[in-house]
Amino acid sequence: MALALALLPLLLLPWGAGTLGRPQSRVVLVTEGEPVVMECPFRKHNVSGDYFDEFVWSHRNISRRILQFRMRRPNASCVHRSEGHFSGTVDYERSVSFLNISEVLMNDTGPYHCYVKIGSSNPTEKVTHLLVRGRQPWAASGGLSFSEPPGGEVTLDCDFPAKLPGSFTYLFWLHEQDQSPPRLVAWHLTSSFQNNSGSTGSRFQSVFDLENHRSHLTITGLEEKDSGWYQCEGLGELSGWQRGTRTHLAVQGSSAVLLVILWIVEFAVMALCSYFVYKHHMKLRRQRTVQDASDPCHRPAEEGARQPTGGEAVSASTGSTAECRLLTFPGRNTAAGDWGQ
């Protein structure tokens, strides 16, 4: 019940005391298999005498009644009645008549007309347009894609398969973001009760061609929350329930642009630092090469001791200045200053 009641304010048009000529209406979106509760408020009247109260719920046309209450004012504050998979309640204390569907079917799509007559007062009418979408999930990829800056404007096109029989009586746009349930943003409804078009706000403007199964949705003053998937759906007596092309919209905020700029600056600074480090390394290497060429006694240090090969060996210290010294081997008299003595 909590889920059903939460669905009612999903998207609502102004709701007031309607007249027989121009009943007020609202639009409710629900997924197949979920519960829904439609409400029909009425005004309290203090009546006396032998009068009847009448509450009638009709589907798609006024003559197709699905639930009816006709009774004198009861002692109880609530009256319940069921008919098929519909159930209704008249709550005198809250001045509301409810129509409940425990599990919505695709055939339940359409307008629901509520007629209320309390005693001898003038009757009132309300219309609730129920849009039922299939349980088939949206595809994770595919479709068209747009990327626009905040504050800009974009027009999304929705085409249905060609050669569909008949025309649509219902066509609406849905928006889905971050795995959240789709929300209704624009719609066009045609019924025996009234023709109805609307949107969730002035930023969404839709154009419908029901005969040719086409629609255009224009969004102005783009905001980051407008990002996500958009898709239109249509329903007709002959064409059945159809889904149009899908479009992904990405609204890139100023924060995303700033991150890109910072990344570019960081990359440039790192590249510049690497260049200077490389130049300094090459300069030191050239200096060592020149030093080695001017000092014939300088040899690069090697790991471990190197065995002498011949009568004398030359050992280079690891200091900054090369040092040459002679090692004495047997057969040489250093005091005599000559060889072999």
C-alpha atoms as a PDB file:
ATOM      1  CA  MET A   1       0.000   0.000   0.000  1.00  0.00           C
ATOM      2  CA  ALA A   2       2.866   2.382   0.810  1.00  0.00           C
ATOM      3  CA  LEU A   3       4.365   1.799  -2.640  1.00  0.00           C
ATOM      4  CA  ALA A   4       1.059   2.422  -4.353  1.00  0.00           C
ATOM      5  CA  LEU A   5       0.425   5.658  -2.481  1.00  0.00           C
ATOM      6  CA  ALA A   6       3.967   6.818  -3.238  1.00  0.00           C
ATOM      7  CA  LEU A   7       3.262   6.482  -6.956  1.00  0.00           C
ATOM      8  CA  LEU A   8       0.370   8.941  -6.913  1.00  0.00           C
ATOM      9  CA  PRO A   9       2.343  12.193  -6.619  1.00  0.00           C
ATOM     10  CA  LEU A  10       4.857  11.032  -9.231  1.00  0.00           C
ATOM     11  CA  LEU A  11       3.555  13.470 -11.773  1.00  0.00           C
ATOM     12  CA  LEU A  12       0.340  15.368 -11.219  1.00  0.00           C
ATOM     13  CA  LEU A  13      -1.553  18.090 -12.960  1.00  0.00           C
ATOM     14  CA  PRO A  14      -3.633  20.617 -11.006  1.00  0.00           C
ATOM     15  CA  TRP A  15      -6.413  18.851  -9.142  1.00  0.00           C
ATOM     16  CA  GLY A  16      -9.496  20.706  -8.045  1.00  0.00           C
ATOM     17  CA  ALA A  17     -13.252  20.627  -8.102  1.00  0.00           C
ATOM     18  CA  GLY A  18     -14.038  19.660 -11.671  1.00  0.00           C
ATOM     19  CA  THR A  19     -17.254  20.224 -13.540  1.00  0.00           C
ATOM     20  CA  LEU A  20     -19.067  18.046 -16.030  1.00  0.00           C
ATOM     21  CA  GLY A  21     -17.749  20.154 -18.901  1.00  0.00           C
ATOM     22  CA  ARG A  22     -14.062  20.246 -17.959  1.00  0.00           C
ATOM     23  CA  PRO A  23     -12.997  17.555 -15.486  1.00  0.00           C
ATOM     24  CA  GLN A  24      -9.631  17.978 -13.826  1.00  0.00           C
ATOM     25  CA  SER A  25      -6.993  15.346 -14.627  1.00  0.00           C
ATOM     26  CA  ARG A  26      -3.724  13.836 -13.463  1.00  0.00           C
ATOM     27  CA  VAL A  27      -1.195  11.405 -14.917  1.00  0.00           C
ATOM     28  CA  VAL A  28       0.269   8.411 -13.050  1.00  0.00           C
ATOM     29  CA  LEU A  29       3.118   6.191 -14.311  1.00  0.00           C
ATOM     30  CA  VAL A  30       3.383   2.613 -13.018  1.00  0.00           C
ATOM     31  CA  THR A  31       5.226  -0.543 -14.088  1.00  0.00           C
ATOM     32  CA  GLU A  32       3.346  -3.700 -15.042  1.00  0.00           C
ATOM     33  CA  GLY A  33       2.761  -5.966 -12.028  1.00  0.00           C
ATOM     34  CA  GLU A  34       3.018  -3.204  -9.436  1.00  0.00           C
ATOM     35  CA  PRO A  35       0.119  -1.954  -7.300  1.00  0.00           C
ATOM     36  CA  VAL A  36      -1.467   1.453  -7.733  1.00  0.00           C
ATOM     37  CA  VAL A  37      -4.112   3.469  -5.928  1.00  0.00           C
ATOM     38  CA  MET A  38      -6.053   6.260  -7.662  1.00  0.00           C
ATOM     39  CA  GLU A  39      -7.905   8.812  -5.574  1.00  0.00           C
ATOM     40  CA  CYS A  40     -10.920  10.993  -6.184  1.00  0.00           C
ATOM     41  CA  PRO A  41     -11.459  13.693  -3.540  1.00  0.00           C
ATOM     42  CA  PHE A  42     -14.895  15.253  -3.062  1.00  0.00           C
ATOM     43  CA  ARG A  43     -16.383  18.023  -1.005  1.00  0.00           C
ATOM     44  CA  LYS A  44     -18.321  17.405   2.172  1.00  0.00           C
ATOM     45  CA  HIS A  45     -21.985  18.346   2.118  1.00  0.00           C
ATOM     46  CA  ASN A  46     -24.374  18.404   5.008  1.00  0.00           C
ATOM     47  CA  VAL A  47     -27.574  17.080   3.463  1.00  0.00           C
ATOM     48  CA  SER A  48     -30.831  16.021   5.002  1.00  0.00           C
ATOM     49  CA  GLY A  49     -33.755  14.042   3.688  1.00  0.00           C
ATOM     50  CA  ASP A  50     -33.933  10.899   1.606  1.00  0.00           C
ATOM     51  CA  TYR A  51     -30.901  11.424  -0.654  1.00  0.00           C
ATOM     52  CA  PHE A  52     -28.447   9.012  -2.233  1.00  0.00           C
ATOM     53  CA  ASP A  53     -24.692   9.379  -2.659  1.00  0.00           C
ATOM     54  CA  GLU A  54     -23.241   8.022  -5.896  1.00  0.00           C
ATOM     55  CA  PHE A  55     -19.620   7.158  -6.731  1.00  0.00           C
ATOM     56  CA  VAL A  56     -18.794   5.684 -10.144  1.00  0.00           C
ATOM     57  CA  TRP A  57     -15.404   4.637 -11.575  1.00  0.00           C
ATOM     58  CA  SER A  58     -15.203   4.076 -15.370  1.00  0.00           C
ATOM     59  CA  HIS A  59     -12.314   2.972 -17.573  1.00  0.00           C
ATOM     60  CA  ARG A  60     -11.569   4.406 -21.058  1.00  0.00           C
ATOM     61  CA  ASN A  61     -15.113   5.597 -21.601  1.00  0.00           C
ATOM     62  CA  ILE A  62     -17.915   6.677 -19.314  1.00  0.00           C
ATOM     63  CA  SER A  63     -20.191   3.787 -20.260  1.00  0.00           C
ATOM     64  CA  ARG A  64     -17.619   1.180 -19.190  1.00  0.00           C
ATOM     65  CA  ARG A  65     -18.229   1.173 -15.458  1.00  0.00           C
ATOM     66  CA  ILE A  66     -15.862  -0.946 -13.369  1.00  0.00           C
ATOM     67  CA  LEU A  67     -16.983   0.015  -9.841  1.00  0.00           C
ATOM     68  CA  GLN A  68     -20.074   1.749  -8.514  1.00  0.00           C
ATOM     69  CA  PHE A  69     -21.410   2.855  -5.110  1.00  0.00           C
ATOM     70  CA  ARG A  70     -24.995   4.098  -4.791  1.00  0.00           C
ATOM     71  CA  MET A  71     -26.238   4.326  -1.236  1.00  0.00           C
ATOM     72  CA  ARG A  72     -27.702   6.456   1.521  1.00  0.00           C
ATOM     73  CA  ARG A  73     -25.178   7.983   3.892  1.00  0.00           C
ATOM     74  CA  PRO A  74     -23.930   4.974   5.904  1.00  0.00           C
ATOM     75  CA  ASN A  75     -23.219   4.927   9.623  1.00  0.00           C
ATOM     76  CA  ALA A  76     -19.655   3.702   9.002  1.00  0.00           C
ATOM     77  CA  SER A  77     -16.992   6.143   7.827  1.00  0.00           C
ATOM     78  CA  CYS A  78     -15.635   3.733   5.175  1.00  0.00           C
ATOM     79  CA  VAL A  79     -17.326   1.503   2.610  1.00  0.00           C
ATOM     80  CA  HIS A  80     -15.458  -1.153   0.580  1.00  0.00           C
ATOM     81  CA  ARG A  81     -16.310  -3.021  -2.609  1.00  0.00           C
ATOM     82  CA  SER A  82     -14.460  -5.310  -5.058  1.00  0.00           C
ATOM     83  CA  GLU A  83     -15.039  -6.159  -8.699  1.00  0.00           C
ATOM     84  CA  GLY A  84     -12.559  -8.436 -10.499  1.00  0.00           C
ATOM     85  CA  HIS A  85      -9.017  -7.233  -9.813  1.00  0.00           C
ATOM     86  CA  PHE A  86     -10.368  -3.769  -8.899  1.00  0.00           C
ATOM     87  CA  SER A  87     -11.315  -2.736  -5.389  1.00  0.00           C
ATOM     88  CA  GLY A  88     -12.705   0.561  -4.177  1.00  0.00           C
ATOM     89  CA  THR A  89     -13.188   2.475  -0.954  1.00  0.00           C
ATOM     90  CA  VAL A  90     -15.303   5.502  -0.062  1.00  0.00           C
ATOM     91  CA  ASP A  91     -13.827   7.285   2.944  1.00  0.00           C
ATOM     92  CA  TYR A  92     -16.354   9.837   4.212  1.00  0.00           C
ATOM     93  CA  GLU A  93     -14.078  10.973   7.005  1.00  0.00           C
ATOM     94  CA  ARG A  94     -11.314  11.960   4.572  1.00  0.00           C
ATOM     95  CA  SER A  95     -13.730  12.861   1.729  1.00  0.00           C
ATOM     96  CA  VAL A  96     -11.909  10.639  -0.775  1.00  0.00           C
ATOM     97  CA  SER A  97     -12.944   7.766  -3.027  1.00  0.00           C
ATOM     98  CA  PHE A  98     -10.129   5.294  -3.790  1.00  0.00           C
ATOM     99  CA  LEU A  99      -9.704   2.840  -6.657  1.00  0.00           C
ATOM    100  CA  ASN A 100      -7.098   0.125  -6.041  1.00  0.00           C
ATOM    101  CA  ILE A 101      -5.422  -2.271  -8.521  1.00  0.00           C
ATOM    102  CA  SER A 102      -3.265  -4.831  -6.697  1.00  0.00           C
ATOM    103  CA  GLU A 103      -1.280  -5.913  -9.792  1.00  0.00           C
ATOM    104  CA  VAL A 104      -1.478  -3.636 -12.806  1.00  0.00           C
ATOM    105  CA  LEU A 105      -1.823  -5.230 -16.257  1.00  0.00           C
ATOM    106  CA  MET A 106      -0.870  -3.679 -19.586  1.00  0.00           C
ATOM    107  CA  ASN A 107      -4.573  -3.561 -20.515  1.00  0.00           C
ATOM    108  CA  ASP A 108      -5.170  -1.323 -17.485  1.00  0.00           C
ATOM    109  CA  THR A 109      -3.522   1.557 -19.339  1.00  0.00           C
ATOM    110  CA  GLY A 110      -5.880   4.416 -20.075  1.00  0.00           C
ATOM    111  CA  PRO A 111      -8.013   7.102 -18.454  1.00  0.00           C
ATOM    112  CA  TYR A 112     -10.068   6.381 -15.340  1.00  0.00           C
ATOM    113  CA  HIS A 113     -13.107   8.569 -14.860  1.00  0.00           C
ATOM    114  CA  CYS A 114     -14.504   9.269 -11.399  1.00  0.00           C
ATOM    115  CA  TYR A 115     -18.057  10.615 -11.038  1.00  0.00           C
ATOM    116  CA  VAL A 116     -19.229  11.823  -7.601  1.00  0.00           C
ATOM    117  CA  LYS A 117     -22.672  13.100  -6.612  1.00  0.00           C
ATOM    118  CA  ILE A 118     -23.344  13.781  -2.935  1.00  0.00           C
ATOM    119  CA  GLY A 119     -27.057  14.104  -2.172  1.00  0.00           C
ATOM    120  CA  SER A 120     -28.641  16.885  -4.199  1.00  0.00           C
ATOM    121  CA  SER A 121     -25.379  18.755  -4.789  1.00  0.00           C
ATOM    122  CA  ASN A 122     -23.924  19.232  -8.239  1.00  0.00           C
ATOM    123  CA  PRO A 123     -21.869  16.258  -9.473  1.00  0.00           C
ATOM    124  CA  THR A 124     -18.122  16.527 -10.010  1.00  0.00           C
ATOM    125  CA  GLU A 125     -15.752  14.578 -12.229  1.00  0.00           C
ATOM    126  CA  LYS A 126     -12.057  13.692 -12.090  1.00  0.00           C
ATOM    127  CA  VAL A 127      -9.869  11.877 -14.646  1.00  0.00           C
ATOM    128  CA  THR A 128      -6.698   9.901 -13.860  1.00  0.00           C
ATOM    129  CA  HIS A 129      -4.612   8.822 -16.845  1.00  0.00           C
ATOM    130  CA  LEU A 130      -2.795   5.605 -15.953  1.00  0.00           C
ATOM    131  CA  LEU A 131       0.340   4.881 -17.992  1.00  0.00           C
ATOM    132  CA  VAL A 132       1.582   1.304 -17.665  1.00  0.00           C
ATOM    133  CA  ARG A 133       5.068   0.498 -18.906  1.00  0.00           C
ATOM    134  CA  GLY A 134       6.426  -3.006 -19.482  1.00  0.00           C
ATOM    135  CA  ARG A 135       8.783  -4.769 -17.097  1.00  0.00           C
ATOM    136  CA  GLN A 136      11.355  -5.367 -19.825  1.00  0.00           C
ATOM    137  CA  PRO A 137      14.513  -3.477 -18.723  1.00  0.00           C
ATOM    138  CA  TRP A 138      16.155  -0.910 -20.927  1.00  0.00           C
ATOM    139  CA  ALA A 139      19.209  -2.039 -22.845  1.00  0.00           C
ATOM    140  CA  ALA A 140      22.532  -1.104 -21.246  1.00  0.00           C
ATOM    141  CA  SER A 141      24.026   0.223 -24.489  1.00  0.00           C
ATOM    142  CA  GLY A 142      23.093   1.354 -27.951  1.00  0.00           C
ATOM    143  CA  GLY A 143      21.074   4.276 -29.242  1.00  0.00           C
ATOM    144  CA  LEU A 144      22.094   7.854 -29.927  1.00  0.00           C
ATOM    145  CA  SER A 145      24.311  10.001 -27.719  1.00  0.00           C
ATOM    146  CA  PHE A 146      24.590  13.753 -27.069  1.00  0.00           C
ATOM    147  CA  SER A 147      27.006  15.796 -24.947  1.00  0.00           C
ATOM    148  CA  GLU A 148      25.980  19.358 -24.116  1.00  0.00           C
ATOM    149  CA  PRO A 149      27.196  22.081 -21.699  1.00  0.00           C
ATOM    150  CA  PRO A 150      25.073  23.331 -18.797  1.00  0.00           C
ATOM    151  CA  GLY A 151      22.600  26.042 -19.748  1.00  0.00           C
ATOM    152  CA  GLY A 152      22.429  24.849 -23.348  1.00  0.00           C
ATOM    153  CA  GLU A 153      19.585  23.358 -25.365  1.00  0.00           C
ATOM    154  CA  VAL A 154      19.103  19.991 -27.027  1.00  0.00           C
ATOM    155  CA  THR A 155      16.365  18.357 -29.123  1.00  0.00           C
ATOM    156  CA  LEU A 156      15.924  14.591 -28.925  1.00  0.00           C
ATOM    157  CA  ASP A 157      14.134  12.652 -31.671  1.00  0.00           C
ATOM    158  CA  CYS A 158      12.110   9.510 -31.164  1.00  0.00           C
ATOM    159  CA  ASP A 159      11.078   7.325 -34.082  1.00  0.00           C
ATOM    160  CA  PHE A 160       9.125   4.093 -33.881  1.00  0.00           C
ATOM    161  CA  PRO A 161       9.292   1.159 -36.303  1.00  0.00           C
ATOM    162  CA  ALA A 162       7.789   1.958 -39.680  1.00  0.00           C
ATOM    163  CA  LYS A 163       4.600   0.307 -40.944  1.00  0.00           C
ATOM    164  CA  LEU A 164       2.898   0.241 -37.560  1.00  0.00           C
ATOM    165  CA  PRO A 165      -0.873  -0.178 -37.945  1.00  0.00           C
ATOM    166  CA  GLY A 166      -3.160   2.609 -36.813  1.00  0.00           C
ATOM    167  CA  SER A 167      -1.983   5.491 -34.648  1.00  0.00           C
ATOM    168  CA  PHE A 168      -1.075   6.009 -31.023  1.00  0.00           C
ATOM    169  CA  THR A 169      -3.535   7.150 -28.408  1.00  0.00           C
ATOM    170  CA  TYR A 170      -0.793   7.477 -25.764  1.00  0.00           C
ATOM    171  CA  LEU A 171       2.765   8.684 -26.231  1.00  0.00           C
ATOM    172  CA  PHE A 172       5.138   9.698 -23.438  1.00  0.00           C
ATOM    173  CA  TRP A 173       8.817  10.396 -22.746  1.00  0.00           C
ATOM    174  CA  LEU A 174      10.743   8.724 -19.897  1.00  0.00           C
ATOM    175  CA  HIS A 175      14.044   9.689 -18.276  1.00  0.00           C
ATOM    176  CA  GLU A 176      16.225   7.209 -16.387  1.00  0.00           C
ATOM    177  CA  GLN A 177      19.392   8.006 -14.418  1.00  0.00           C
ATOM    178  CA  ASP A 178      21.738   6.039 -12.122  1.00  0.00           C
ATOM    179  CA  GLN A 179      19.613   2.870 -12.131  1.00  0.00           C
ATOM    180  CA  SER A 180      16.714   4.781 -10.585  1.00  0.00           C
ATOM    181  CA  PRO A 181      13.138   4.118 -11.729  1.00  0.00           C
ATOM    182  CA  PRO A 182      12.223   5.997 -14.923  1.00  0.00           C
ATOM    183  CA  ARG A 183      10.390   9.281 -14.438  1.00  0.00           C
ATOM    184  CA  LEU A 184       7.805  10.791 -16.736  1.00  0.00           C
ATOM    185  CA  VAL A 185       8.866  14.080 -18.364  1.00  0.00           C
ATOM    186  CA  ALA A 186       6.327  14.633 -21.162  1.00  0.00           C
ATOM    187  CA  TRP A 187       3.161  12.998 -22.530  1.00  0.00           C
ATOM    188  CA  HIS A 188       0.257  13.212 -24.956  1.00  0.00           C
ATOM    189  CA  LEU A 189      -3.004  11.367 -24.327  1.00  0.00           C
ATOM    190  CA  THR A 190      -6.109  11.000 -26.456  1.00  0.00           C
ATOM    191  CA  SER A 191      -9.317   9.536 -25.025  1.00  0.00           C
ATOM    192  CA  SER A 192     -13.074   9.879 -25.075  1.00  0.00           C
ATOM    193  CA  PHE A 193     -12.785  11.987 -21.924  1.00  0.00           C
ATOM    194  CA  GLN A 194     -10.286  14.591 -23.183  1.00  0.00           C
ATOM    195  CA  ASN A 195      -7.052  15.224 -25.060  1.00  0.00           C
ATOM    196  CA  ASN A 196      -4.200  15.943 -22.707  1.00  0.00           C
ATOM    197  CA  SER A 197      -0.609  17.077 -23.252  1.00  0.00           C
ATOM    198  CA  GLY A 198       1.890  18.164 -20.662  1.00  0.00           C
ATOM    199  CA  SER A 199       5.368  18.004 -19.169  1.00  0.00           C
ATOM    200  CA  THR A 200       7.061  18.123 -15.785  1.00  0.00           C
ATOM    201  CA  GLY A 201       8.213  21.717 -16.237  1.00  0.00           C
ATOM    202  CA  SER A 202       8.659  24.598 -18.632  1.00  0.00           C
ATOM    203  CA  ARG A 203      12.159  23.365 -19.617  1.00  0.00           C
ATOM    204  CA  PHE A 204      10.666  20.305 -21.344  1.00  0.00           C
ATOM    205  CA  GLN A 205       8.737  20.972 -24.560  1.00  0.00           C
ATOM    206  CA  SER A 206       7.482  18.080 -26.674  1.00  0.00           C
ATOM    207  CA  VAL A 207       6.001  17.876 -30.166  1.00  0.00           C
ATOM    208  CA  PHE A 208       3.945  14.794 -31.063  1.00  0.00           C
ATOM    209  CA  ASP A 209       2.933  13.303 -34.386  1.00  0.00           C
ATOM    210  CA  LEU A 210       0.724  10.427 -33.272  1.00  0.00           C
ATOM    211  CA  GLU A 211      -0.349   9.461 -36.788  1.00  0.00           C
ATOM    212  CA  ASN A 212       3.243   8.976 -38.014  1.00  0.00           C
ATOM    213  CA  HIS A 213       4.561   7.610 -34.709  1.00  0.00           C
ATOM    214  CA  ARG A 214       7.135  10.370 -34.159  1.00  0.00           C
ATOM    215  CA  SER A 215       8.016  12.795 -31.385  1.00  0.00           C
ATOM    216  CA  HIS A 216      10.581  15.476 -30.539  1.00  0.00           C
ATOM    217  CA  LEU A 217      11.586  16.537 -27.040  1.00  0.00           C
ATOM    218  CA  THR A 218      13.392  19.856 -26.514  1.00  0.00           C
ATOM    219  CA  ILE A 219      15.154  20.538 -23.206  1.00  0.00           C
ATOM    220  CA  THR A 220      16.281  24.103 -22.470  1.00  0.00           C
ATOM    221  CA  GLY A 221      18.471  25.421 -19.674  1.00  0.00           C
ATOM    222  CA  LEU A 222      20.254  22.087 -19.354  1.00  0.00           C
ATOM    223  CA  GLU A 223      21.358  21.001 -15.882  1.00  0.00           C
ATOM    224  CA  GLU A 224      23.651  18.165 -14.795  1.00  0.00           C
ATOM    225  CA  LYS A 225      20.660  16.295 -13.342  1.00  0.00           C
ATOM    226  CA  ASP A 226      19.239  16.083 -16.894  1.00  0.00           C
ATOM    227  CA  SER A 227      21.948  13.569 -17.823  1.00  0.00           C
ATOM    228  CA  GLY A 228      20.842   9.995 -18.455  1.00  0.00           C
ATOM    229  CA  TRP A 229      18.820   7.915 -20.892  1.00  0.00           C
ATOM    230  CA  TYR A 230      15.720   9.200 -22.669  1.00  0.00           C
ATOM    231  CA  GLN A 231      13.167   7.062 -24.474  1.00  0.00           C
ATOM    232  CA  CYS A 232       9.633   7.532 -25.705  1.00  0.00           C
ATOM    233  CA  GLU A 233       6.917   4.892 -25.547  1.00  0.00           C
ATOM    234  CA  GLY A 234       3.614   4.699 -27.370  1.00  0.00           C
ATOM    235  CA  LEU A 235       0.413   2.714 -27.127  1.00  0.00           C
ATOM    236  CA  GLY A 236      -2.418   2.325 -29.616  1.00  0.00           C
ATOM    237  CA  GLU A 237      -5.403   0.027 -29.986  1.00  0.00           C
ATOM    238  CA  LEU A 238      -3.936  -1.519 -33.158  1.00  0.00           C
ATOM    239  CA  SER A 239      -0.201  -0.856 -32.800  1.00  0.00           C
ATOM    240  CA  GLY A 240      -0.039  -2.091 -29.215  1.00  0.00           C
ATOM    241  CA  TRP A 241       2.729  -1.048 -26.831  1.00  0.00           C
ATOM    242  CA  GLN A 242       5.907   0.139 -28.578  1.00  0.00           C
ATOM    243  CA  ARG A 243       9.263   1.595 -27.544  1.00  0.00           C
ATOM    244  CA  GLY A 244      11.040   4.173 -29.672  1.00  0.00           C
ATOM    245  CA  THR A 245      14.723   4.915 -30.137  1.00  0.00           C
ATOM    246  CA  ARG A 246      16.849   5.585 -27.062  1.00  0.00           C
ATOM    247  CA  THR A 247      19.146   8.572 -26.559  1.00  0.00           C
ATOM    248  CA  HIS A 248      21.858   9.154 -23.963  1.00  0.00           C
ATOM    249  CA  LEU A 249      22.392  12.752 -22.854  1.00  0.00           C
ATOM    250  CA  ALA A 250      25.519  13.861 -20.976  1.00  0.00           C
ATOM    251  CA  VAL A 251      25.497  17.359 -19.500  1.00  0.00           C
ATOM    252  CA  GLN A 252      29.129  18.185 -18.716  1.00  0.00           C
ATOM    253  CA  GLY A 253      29.380  20.498 -15.693  1.00  0.00           C
ATOM    254  CA  SER A 254      32.016  23.177 -15.029  1.00  0.00           C
ATOM    255  CA  SER A 255      33.641  20.891 -12.437  1.00  0.00           C
ATOM    256  CA  ALA A 256      34.371  18.283 -15.087  1.00  0.00           C
ATOM    257  CA  VAL A 257      35.941  20.928 -17.362  1.00  0.00           C
ATOM    258  CA  LEU A 258      38.079  22.200 -14.459  1.00  0.00           C
ATOM    259  CA  LEU A 259      39.354  18.676 -13.749  1.00  0.00           C
ATOM    260  CA  VAL A 260      40.394  18.280 -17.379  1.00  0.00           C
ATOM    261  CA  ILE A 261      42.238  21.606 -17.311  1.00  0.00           C
ATOM    262  CA  LEU A 262      44.033  20.710 -14.074  1.00  0.00           C
ATOM    263  CA  TRP A 263      45.051  17.356 -15.526  1.00  0.00           C
ATOM    264  CA  ILE A 264      46.500  19.056 -18.612  1.00  0.00           C
ATOM    265  CA  VAL A 265      48.447  21.563 -16.486  1.00  0.00           C
ATOM    266  CA  GLU A 266      49.782  18.789 -14.253  1.00  0.00           C
ATOM    267  CA  PHE A 267      50.893  16.772 -17.262  1.00  0.00           C
ATOM    268  CA  ALA A 268      52.672  19.811 -18.757  1.00  0.00           C
ATOM    269  CA  VAL A 269      54.529  20.558 -15.484  1.00  0.00           C
ATOM    270  CA  MET A 270      55.658  16.926 -15.149  1.00  0.00           C
ATOM    271  CA  ALA A 271      56.858  16.868 -18.752  1.00  0.00           C
ATOM    272  CA  LEU A 272      58.809  20.117 -18.247  1.00  0.00           C
ATOM    273  CA  CYS A 273      60.448  18.830 -15.064  1.00  0.00           C
ATOM    274  CA  SER A 274      61.428  15.586 -16.792  1.00  0.00           C
ATOM    275  CA  TYR A 275      63.017  17.592 -19.621  1.00  0.00           C
ATOM    276  CA  PHE A 276      65.165  19.678 -17.257  1.00  0.00           C
ATOM    277  CA  VAL A 277      66.256  16.581 -15.304  1.00  0.00           C
ATOM    278  CA  TYR A 278      67.280  14.911 -18.574  1.00  0.00           C
ATOM    279  CA  LYS A 279      69.235  17.997 -19.703  1.00  0.00           C
ATOM    280  CA  HIS A 280      71.093  18.175 -16.374  1.00  0.00           C
ATOM    281  CA  HIS A 281      71.953  14.479 -16.557  1.00  0.00           C
ATOM    282  CA  MET A 282      73.354  14.824 -20.062  1.00  0.00           C
ATOM    283  CA  LYS A 283      75.447  17.861 -19.000  1.00  0.00           C
ATOM    284  CA  LEU A 284      77.037  15.907 -16.135  1.00  0.00           C
ATOM    285  CA  ARG A 285      77.733  12.991 -18.435  1.00  0.00           C
ATOM    286  CA  ARG A 286      79.546  15.237 -20.953  1.00  0.00           C
ATOM    287  CA  GLN A 287      81.665  16.759 -18.158  1.00  0.00           C
ATOM    288  CA  ARG A 288      82.751  13.289 -17.000  1.00  0.00           C
ATOM    289  CA  THR A 289      83.625  12.305 -20.552  1.00  0.00           C
ATOM    290  CA  VAL A 290      85.885  15.374 -20.940  1.00  0.00           C
ATOM    291  CA  GLN A 291      87.560  14.662 -17.573  1.00  0.00           C
ATOM    292  CA  ASP A 292      88.257  11.048 -18.519  1.00  0.00           C
ATOM    293  CA  ALA A 293      89.868  12.119 -21.796  1.00  0.00           C
ATOM    294  CA  SER A 294      92.278  14.611 -20.062  1.00  0.00           C
ATOM    295  CA  ASP A 295      93.431  12.102 -17.399  1.00  0.00           C
ATOM    296  CA  PRO A 296      94.899   8.904 -18.904  1.00  0.00           C
ATOM    297  CA  CYS A 297      95.292   7.334 -15.459  1.00  0.00           C
ATOM    298  CA  HIS A 298      91.570   7.567 -14.687  1.00  0.00           C
ATOM    299  CA  ARG A 299      89.628   4.381 -15.103  1.00  0.00           C
ATOM    300  CA  PRO A 300      86.090   3.659 -13.999  1.00  0.00           C
ATOM    301  CA  ALA A 301      85.921   1.789 -10.734  1.00  0.00           C
ATOM    302  CA  GLU A 302      85.079  -1.849 -10.988  1.00  0.00           C
ATOM    303  CA  GLU A 303      83.535  -4.150  -8.476  1.00  0.00           C
ATOM    304  CA  GLY A 304      85.946  -6.581  -6.812  1.00  0.00           C
ATOM    305  CA  ALA A 305      89.749  -6.841  -7.211  1.00  0.00           C
ATOM    306  CA  ARG A 306      91.246  -7.174 -10.686  1.00  0.00           C
ATOM    307  CA  GLN A 307      94.277  -9.507 -11.077  1.00  0.00           C
ATOM    308  CA  PRO A 308      97.427  -7.900 -12.627  1.00  0.00           C
ATOM    309  CA  THR A 309      98.517  -9.152 -16.024  1.00  0.00           C
ATOM    310  CA  GLY A 310     102.258  -8.603 -16.529  1.00  0.00           C
ATOM    311  CA  GLY A 311     105.238  -7.273 -14.583  1.00  0.00           C
ATOM    312  CA  GLU A 312     103.434  -4.252 -13.221  1.00  0.00           C
ATOM    313  CA  ALA A 313      99.923  -3.339 -12.378  1.00  0.00           C
ATOM    314  CA  VAL A 314      98.300   0.032 -12.293  1.00  0.00           C
ATOM    315  CA  SER A 315      95.772   0.711  -9.547  1.00  0.00           C
ATOM    316  CA  ALA A 316      93.460   3.736  -9.647  1.00  0.00           C
ATOM    317  CA  SER A 317      92.008   4.986  -6.413  1.00  0.00           C
ATOM    318  CA  THR A 318      88.313   5.822  -6.145  1.00  0.00           C
ATOM    319  CA  GLY A 319      89.009   9.398  -5.122  1.00  0.00           C
ATOM    320  CA  SER A 320      88.410  12.439  -7.244  1.00  0.00           C
ATOM    321  CA  THR A 321      92.106  12.552  -8.310  1.00  0.00           C
ATOM    322  CA  ALA A 322      93.633   9.583 -10.091  1.00  0.00           C
ATOM    323  CA  GLU A 323      96.708   8.107  -8.314  1.00  0.00           C
ATOM    324  CA  CYS A 324      99.370   5.992 -10.046  1.00  0.00           C
ATOM    325  CA  ARG A 325     101.783   3.719  -8.176  1.00  0.00           C
ATOM    326  CA  LEU A 326     104.109   0.842  -8.974  1.00  0.00           C
ATOM    327  CA  LEU A 327     103.787  -2.529  -7.355  1.00  0.00           C
ATOM    328  CA  THR A 328     107.073  -4.382  -6.674  1.00  0.00           C
ATOM    329  CA  PHE A 329     107.460  -7.920  -7.944  1.00  0.00           C
ATOM    330  CA  PRO A 330     110.293 -10.432  -7.279  1.00  0.00           C
ATOM    331  CA  GLY A 331     113.424  -9.874  -9.421  1.00  0.00           C
ATOM    332  CA  ARG A 332     113.440  -6.102  -9.088  1.00  0.00           C
ATOM    333  CA  ASN A 333     115.791  -4.113  -6.831  1.00  0.00           C
ATOM    334  CA  THR A 334     114.179  -0.826  -6.165  1.00  0.00           C
ATOM    335  CA  ALA A 335     117.152   0.547  -4.269  1.00  0.00           C
ATOM    336  CA  ALA A 336     119.481  -0.003  -7.226  1.00  0.00           C
ATOM    337  CA  GLY A 337     117.083   1.791  -9.533  1.00  0.00           C
ATOM    338  CA  ASP A 338     117.528  -0.848 -12.285  1.00  0.00           C
ATOM    339  CA  TRP A 339     115.983  -4.143 -13.348  1.00  0.00           C
ATOM    340  CA  GLY A 340     117.216  -7.684 -12.678  1.00  0.00           C
ATOM    341  CA  GLN A 341     119.624  -6.972  -9.823  1.00  0.00           C
END
